[in-house]
Amino acid sequence: MNQLNNILKSIPKNLPEEFVDILAEGKNFRLERIVSKGHTSPKGFWYDQVENEFVLLLKGEAEILFEDDAKPVRLSEGDYINIPAHKKHRVEWTDPNTETVWLALFYW
């Protein structure tokens, strides 16, 4: 049975941690909805993922810093970026006043 959902609905009111919801997955991909509200990567932590990651910002604002860049990349609603596997990066900032909703496609 097909169930209609809305990616901007059913967001928890209380977000002590980022909320991650796996929407779909298959042999070579995983599609996640990630909701942040003032969340950042831990100090000194860098993502170094074995899979590629395509990120689309659906709502809110965020900044991603890549290890080899001096300034973070600022994302606003509708912006997307493709992050190759093993490209070290971190979430420097997400808007603390509203939910930031990411659609993240991990593929290998």
C-alpha atoms as a PDB file:
ATOM      1  CA  MET A   1       0.000   0.000   0.000  1.00  0.00           C
ATOM      2  CA  ASN A   2       1.314   3.430  -0.926  1.00  0.00           C
ATOM      3  CA  GLN A   3       1.246   5.936   1.908  1.00  0.00           C
ATOM      4  CA  LEU A   4       1.402   9.661   1.178  1.00  0.00           C
ATOM      5  CA  ASN A   5       3.813  11.572   3.415  1.00  0.00           C
ATOM      6  CA  ASN A   6       5.122  15.130   3.566  1.00  0.00           C
ATOM      7  CA  ILE A   7       8.823  15.732   4.155  1.00  0.00           C
ATOM      8  CA  LEU A   8       8.126  18.979   6.038  1.00  0.00           C
ATOM      9  CA  LYS A   9       5.573  17.448   8.410  1.00  0.00           C
ATOM     10  CA  SER A  10       5.857  15.100  11.397  1.00  0.00           C
ATOM     11  CA  ILE A  11       8.909  16.894  12.740  1.00  0.00           C
ATOM     12  CA  PRO A  12       9.421  16.370  16.476  1.00  0.00           C
ATOM     13  CA  LYS A  13       8.812  19.519  18.537  1.00  0.00           C
ATOM     14  CA  ASN A  14      11.740  18.777  20.835  1.00  0.00           C
ATOM     15  CA  LEU A  15      15.077  18.215  19.077  1.00  0.00           C
ATOM     16  CA  PRO A  16      17.804  17.589  21.681  1.00  0.00           C
ATOM     17  CA  GLU A  17      19.749  15.862  18.863  1.00  0.00           C
ATOM     18  CA  GLU A  18      19.502  15.932  15.094  1.00  0.00           C
ATOM     19  CA  PHE A  19      16.556  13.877  13.919  1.00  0.00           C
ATOM     20  CA  VAL A  20      17.371  11.325  11.200  1.00  0.00           C
ATOM     21  CA  ASP A  21      14.632   9.512   9.329  1.00  0.00           C
ATOM     22  CA  ILE A  22      15.515   6.906   6.668  1.00  0.00           C
ATOM     23  CA  LEU A  23      12.977   7.430   3.888  1.00  0.00           C
ATOM     24  CA  ALA A  24      14.202   4.753   1.487  1.00  0.00           C
ATOM     25  CA  GLU A  25      17.188   2.476   0.974  1.00  0.00           C
ATOM     26  CA  GLY A  26      18.396  -0.051  -1.513  1.00  0.00           C
ATOM     27  CA  LYS A  27      21.471  -1.932  -2.629  1.00  0.00           C
ATOM     28  CA  ASN A  28      23.506   1.184  -3.510  1.00  0.00           C
ATOM     29  CA  PHE A  29      21.748   4.077  -1.780  1.00  0.00           C
ATOM     30  CA  ARG A  30      20.141   5.417   1.389  1.00  0.00           C
ATOM     31  CA  LEU A  31      17.815   8.439   1.409  1.00  0.00           C
ATOM     32  CA  GLU A  32      17.500  10.337   4.689  1.00  0.00           C
ATOM     33  CA  ARG A  33      15.575  13.285   6.011  1.00  0.00           C
ATOM     34  CA  ILE A  34      17.711  15.065   8.589  1.00  0.00           C
ATOM     35  CA  VAL A  35      16.275  17.792  10.813  1.00  0.00           C
ATOM     36  CA  SER A  36      18.585  20.174  12.678  1.00  0.00           C
ATOM     37  CA  LYS A  37      17.819  23.145  14.905  1.00  0.00           C
ATOM     38  CA  GLY A  38      21.021  24.797  16.040  1.00  0.00           C
ATOM     39  CA  HIS A  39      22.901  21.494  15.782  1.00  0.00           C
ATOM     40  CA  THR A  40      26.505  21.357  14.600  1.00  0.00           C
ATOM     41  CA  SER A  41      29.203  18.744  14.316  1.00  0.00           C
ATOM     42  CA  PRO A  42      31.120  18.179  17.557  1.00  0.00           C
ATOM     43  CA  LYS A  43      34.210  20.359  17.935  1.00  0.00           C
ATOM     44  CA  GLY A  44      37.130  18.818  16.067  1.00  0.00           C
ATOM     45  CA  PHE A  45      34.940  16.174  14.364  1.00  0.00           C
ATOM     46  CA  TRP A  46      35.052  15.671  10.589  1.00  0.00           C
ATOM     47  CA  TYR A  47      32.780  13.418   8.566  1.00  0.00           C
ATOM     48  CA  ASP A  48      34.911  11.080   6.423  1.00  0.00           C
ATOM     49  CA  GLN A  49      32.268   8.943   4.765  1.00  0.00           C
ATOM     50  CA  VAL A  50      32.804   5.920   2.553  1.00  0.00           C
ATOM     51  CA  GLU A  51      29.782   6.878   0.447  1.00  0.00           C
ATOM     52  CA  ASN A  52      29.043   9.930  -1.710  1.00  0.00           C
ATOM     53  CA  GLU A  53      26.427  12.300  -0.326  1.00  0.00           C
ATOM     54  CA  PHE A  54      24.058  14.534  -2.274  1.00  0.00           C
ATOM     55  CA  VAL A  55      22.484  17.083   0.083  1.00  0.00           C
ATOM     56  CA  LEU A  56      19.464  19.279  -0.690  1.00  0.00           C
ATOM     57  CA  LEU A  57      18.416  21.897   1.861  1.00  0.00           C
ATOM     58  CA  LEU A  58      14.617  22.026   1.871  1.00  0.00           C
ATOM     59  CA  LYS A  59      14.031  24.437   4.757  1.00  0.00           C
ATOM     60  CA  GLY A  60      16.166  26.683   6.956  1.00  0.00           C
ATOM     61  CA  GLU A  61      19.820  27.587   6.598  1.00  0.00           C
ATOM     62  CA  ALA A  62      23.118  25.857   7.317  1.00  0.00           C
ATOM     63  CA  GLU A  63      26.867  26.083   6.826  1.00  0.00           C
ATOM     64  CA  ILE A  64      29.146  23.200   5.863  1.00  0.00           C
ATOM     65  CA  LEU A  65      32.908  23.527   6.223  1.00  0.00           C
ATOM     66  CA  PHE A  66      35.217  21.378   4.130  1.00  0.00           C
ATOM     67  CA  GLU A  67      38.585  20.511   5.649  1.00  0.00           C
ATOM     68  CA  ASP A  68      40.560  22.119   2.819  1.00  0.00           C
ATOM     69  CA  ASP A  69      38.530  25.366   2.742  1.00  0.00           C
ATOM     70  CA  ALA A  70      38.988  28.439   4.928  1.00  0.00           C
ATOM     71  CA  LYS A  71      35.329  29.505   4.837  1.00  0.00           C
ATOM     72  CA  PRO A  72      32.163  27.419   5.143  1.00  0.00           C
ATOM     73  CA  VAL A  73      29.661  26.989   2.326  1.00  0.00           C
ATOM     74  CA  ARG A  74      26.347  28.664   3.199  1.00  0.00           C
ATOM     75  CA  LEU A  75      23.207  26.789   2.148  1.00  0.00           C
ATOM     76  CA  SER A  76      19.733  28.316   1.962  1.00  0.00           C
ATOM     77  CA  GLU A  77      16.411  26.766   1.007  1.00  0.00           C
ATOM     78  CA  GLY A  78      16.700  25.023  -2.350  1.00  0.00           C
ATOM     79  CA  ASP A  79      20.515  24.851  -2.368  1.00  0.00           C
ATOM     80  CA  TYR A  80      22.207  21.522  -2.934  1.00  0.00           C
ATOM     81  CA  ILE A  81      25.734  20.174  -2.943  1.00  0.00           C
ATOM     82  CA  ASN A  82      27.334  16.870  -3.855  1.00  0.00           C
ATOM     83  CA  ILE A  83      29.984  15.667  -1.423  1.00  0.00           C
ATOM     84  CA  PRO A  84      32.323  12.981  -2.786  1.00  0.00           C
ATOM     85  CA  ALA A  85      33.255  10.014  -0.613  1.00  0.00           C
ATOM     86  CA  HIS A  86      36.085  10.797   1.844  1.00  0.00           C
ATOM     87  CA  LYS A  87      35.742  14.568   1.341  1.00  0.00           C
ATOM     88  CA  LYS A  88      36.144  15.622   4.962  1.00  0.00           C
ATOM     89  CA  HIS A  89      33.457  18.043   6.099  1.00  0.00           C
ATOM     90  CA  ARG A  90      31.519  19.194   9.120  1.00  0.00           C
ATOM     91  CA  VAL A  91      28.317  21.078   9.879  1.00  0.00           C
ATOM     92  CA  GLU A  92      29.490  24.429  11.224  1.00  0.00           C
ATOM     93  CA  TRP A  93      26.089  26.016  11.830  1.00  0.00           C
ATOM     94  CA  THR A  94      22.352  25.461  11.498  1.00  0.00           C
ATOM     95  CA  ASP A  95      19.693  28.040  12.263  1.00  0.00           C
ATOM     96  CA  PRO A  96      18.821  27.818  15.981  1.00  0.00           C
ATOM     97  CA  ASN A  97      15.460  29.557  15.489  1.00  0.00           C
ATOM     98  CA  THR A  98      13.846  27.244  12.962  1.00  0.00           C
ATOM     99  CA  GLU A  99      14.163  23.669  11.771  1.00  0.00           C
ATOM    100  CA  THR A 100      16.685  23.033   9.029  1.00  0.00           C
ATOM    101  CA  VAL A 101      15.427  20.161   6.900  1.00  0.00           C
ATOM    102  CA  TRP A 102      17.959  18.305   4.781  1.00  0.00           C
ATOM    103  CA  LEU A 103      17.343  15.628   2.180  1.00  0.00           C
ATOM    104  CA  ALA A 104      20.497  13.507   2.044  1.00  0.00           C
ATOM    105  CA  LEU A 105      21.089  10.856  -0.586  1.00  0.00           C
ATOM    106  CA  PHE A 106      24.007   8.562   0.260  1.00  0.00           C
ATOM    107  CA  TYR A 107      25.136   6.501  -2.723  1.00  0.00           C
ATOM    108  CA  TRP A 108      28.010   4.187  -3.612  1.00  0.00           C
END
